[in-house]
Amino acid sequence: MALTISHVRYPYTAENINDAIEEILEKWDLRSKVYSITTDNGSNIKKCVKIWKG
């Protein structure tokens, strides 16, 4: 199920991807309800998850 489609600012850095994800989670009040994250093995995505987890 897709909740939204969102534009991620270029360049596609971990920080920009994280900002887009945070915006969506805040909009849908889901920040505390995420239990797992599935990604590809891209370095920017792996770094984004590390940023997001704190």
N, C-alpha and C. Protein backbone atom coordinates (compact mmCIF):
# COMPACT_ATOMS: atom_id res chain seq x y z
N MET A 1 0.84 -1.15 0.00
CA MET A 1 0.00 0.00 0.00
C MET A 1 0.90 1.23 0.00
N ALA A 2 0.64 2.15 -0.88
CA ALA A 2 1.37 3.41 -0.93
C ALA A 2 0.54 4.50 -0.24
N LEU A 3 1.16 5.23 0.64
CA LEU A 3 0.47 6.33 1.32
C LEU A 3 0.55 7.62 0.53
N THR A 4 1.66 7.79 -0.16
CA THR A 4 1.87 9.04 -0.87
C THR A 4 2.99 8.87 -1.89
N ILE A 5 3.07 9.80 -2.77
CA ILE A 5 4.20 9.92 -3.68
C ILE A 5 4.80 11.29 -3.40
N SER A 6 6.09 11.31 -3.20
CA SER A 6 6.73 12.55 -2.78
C SER A 6 7.97 12.83 -3.61
N HIS A 7 8.20 14.09 -3.88
CA HIS A 7 9.41 14.51 -4.58
C HIS A 7 10.56 14.61 -3.59
N VAL A 8 11.70 14.06 -3.95
CA VAL A 8 12.91 14.20 -3.14
C VAL A 8 13.83 15.16 -3.87
N ARG A 9 14.27 16.19 -3.15
CA ARG A 9 15.15 17.20 -3.75
C ARG A 9 16.45 16.57 -4.26
N TYR A 10 16.92 17.05 -5.40
CA TYR A 10 18.22 16.65 -5.94
C TYR A 10 19.28 17.49 -5.27
N PRO A 11 20.40 17.01 -4.92
CA PRO A 11 20.91 15.65 -5.11
C PRO A 11 20.27 14.70 -4.11
N TYR A 12 20.24 13.44 -4.43
CA TYR A 12 19.56 12.43 -3.63
C TYR A 12 20.46 11.94 -2.50
N THR A 13 20.76 12.88 -1.61
CA THR A 13 21.62 12.57 -0.46
C THR A 13 20.78 11.93 0.63
N ALA A 14 21.46 11.33 1.58
CA ALA A 14 20.77 10.73 2.72
C ALA A 14 19.94 11.78 3.46
N GLU A 15 20.47 12.97 3.57
CA GLU A 15 19.77 14.04 4.29
C GLU A 15 18.49 14.44 3.57
N ASN A 16 18.54 14.60 2.25
CA ASN A 16 17.35 14.98 1.49
C ASN A 16 16.30 13.88 1.50
N ILE A 17 16.74 12.64 1.40
CA ILE A 17 15.80 11.51 1.47
C ILE A 17 15.17 11.46 2.85
N ASN A 18 15.97 11.64 3.88
CA ASN A 18 15.46 11.64 5.25
C ASN A 18 14.42 12.75 5.45
N ASP A 19 14.69 13.93 4.93
CA ASP A 19 13.73 15.04 5.05
C ASP A 19 12.39 14.67 4.43
N ALA A 20 12.42 14.04 3.26
CA ALA A 20 11.18 13.65 2.59
C ALA A 20 10.42 12.60 3.40
N ILE A 21 11.14 11.63 3.93
CA ILE A 21 10.50 10.59 4.74
C ILE A 21 9.90 11.18 6.01
N GLU A 22 10.65 12.04 6.68
CA GLU A 22 10.16 12.67 7.91
C GLU A 22 8.87 13.46 7.65
N GLU A 23 8.83 14.17 6.54
CA GLU A 23 7.65 14.95 6.18
C GLU A 23 6.43 14.05 6.03
N ILE A 24 6.60 12.92 5.37
CA ILE A 24 5.49 11.97 5.17
C ILE A 24 5.05 11.37 6.51
N LEU A 25 6.02 10.93 7.31
CA LEU A 25 5.67 10.31 8.59
C LEU A 25 4.95 11.29 9.50
N GLU A 26 5.37 12.55 9.49
CA GLU A 26 4.71 13.57 10.30
C GLU A 26 3.28 13.81 9.80
N LYS A 27 3.13 13.92 8.49
CA LYS A 27 1.82 14.18 7.89
C LYS A 27 0.81 13.09 8.26
N TRP A 28 1.26 11.84 8.27
CA TRP A 28 0.37 10.70 8.54
C TRP A 28 0.45 10.24 10.01
N ASP A 29 1.17 10.96 10.85
CA ASP A 29 1.33 10.62 12.27
C ASP A 29 1.80 9.17 12.44
N LEU A 30 2.87 8.82 11.73
CA LEU A 30 3.37 7.45 11.73
C LEU A 30 4.76 7.30 12.35
N ARG A 31 5.35 8.38 12.80
CA ARG A 31 6.75 8.33 13.27
C ARG A 31 6.96 7.23 14.31
N SER A 32 6.08 7.10 15.27
CA SER A 32 6.26 6.12 16.35
C SER A 32 5.73 4.74 15.98
N LYS A 33 5.21 4.60 14.78
CA LYS A 33 4.58 3.33 14.39
C LYS A 33 5.39 2.53 13.37
N VAL A 34 6.58 2.98 13.03
CA VAL A 34 7.42 2.27 12.07
C VAL A 34 8.20 1.19 12.81
N TYR A 35 8.06 -0.05 12.35
CA TYR A 35 8.74 -1.17 13.01
C TYR A 35 9.83 -1.79 12.16
N SER A 36 9.80 -1.58 10.86
CA SER A 36 10.86 -2.11 10.00
C SER A 36 11.00 -1.23 8.77
N ILE A 37 12.18 -1.30 8.18
CA ILE A 37 12.47 -0.54 6.97
C ILE A 37 13.17 -1.47 6.00
N THR A 38 12.66 -1.55 4.78
CA THR A 38 13.27 -2.38 3.75
C THR A 38 13.83 -1.46 2.68
N THR A 39 15.08 -1.65 2.32
CA THR A 39 15.73 -0.78 1.34
C THR A 39 16.55 -1.60 0.36
N ASP A 40 17.05 -0.91 -0.65
CA ASP A 40 18.08 -1.53 -1.47
C ASP A 40 19.41 -1.29 -0.75
N ASN A 41 20.49 -1.58 -1.38
CA ASN A 41 21.78 -1.48 -0.71
C ASN A 41 22.53 -0.20 -1.07
N GLY A 42 21.80 0.83 -1.53
CA GLY A 42 22.44 2.09 -1.89
C GLY A 42 23.04 2.78 -0.68
N SER A 43 24.22 3.34 -0.84
CA SER A 43 24.90 3.97 0.29
C SER A 43 24.11 5.14 0.86
N ASN A 44 23.42 5.90 -0.02
CA ASN A 44 22.63 7.02 0.48
C ASN A 44 21.41 6.54 1.28
N ILE A 45 20.85 5.41 0.89
CA ILE A 45 19.70 4.87 1.61
C ILE A 45 20.14 4.30 2.96
N LYS A 46 21.24 3.57 2.97
CA LYS A 46 21.74 3.02 4.23
C LYS A 46 22.08 4.14 5.22
N LYS A 47 22.68 5.22 4.72
CA LYS A 47 23.00 6.36 5.59
C LYS A 47 21.73 7.04 6.08
N CYS A 48 20.73 7.15 5.21
CA CYS A 48 19.46 7.75 5.58
C CYS A 48 18.82 6.99 6.75
N VAL A 49 18.83 5.67 6.69
CA VAL A 49 18.25 4.86 7.76
C VAL A 49 19.02 5.09 9.06
N LYS A 50 20.34 5.20 8.99
CA LYS A 50 21.13 5.47 10.19
C LYS A 50 20.77 6.83 10.79
N ILE A 51 20.59 7.83 9.93
CA ILE A 51 20.18 9.17 10.39
C ILE A 51 18.81 9.09 11.05
N TRP A 52 17.90 8.40 10.39
CA TRP A 52 16.52 8.33 10.85
C TRP A 52 16.42 7.63 12.20
N LYS A 53 17.20 6.57 12.39
CA LYS A 53 17.16 5.82 13.64
C LYS A 53 17.80 6.59 14.79
N GLY A 54 18.60 7.60 14.45
CA GLY A 54 19.21 8.43 15.46
C GLY A 54 20.44 7.85 15.98
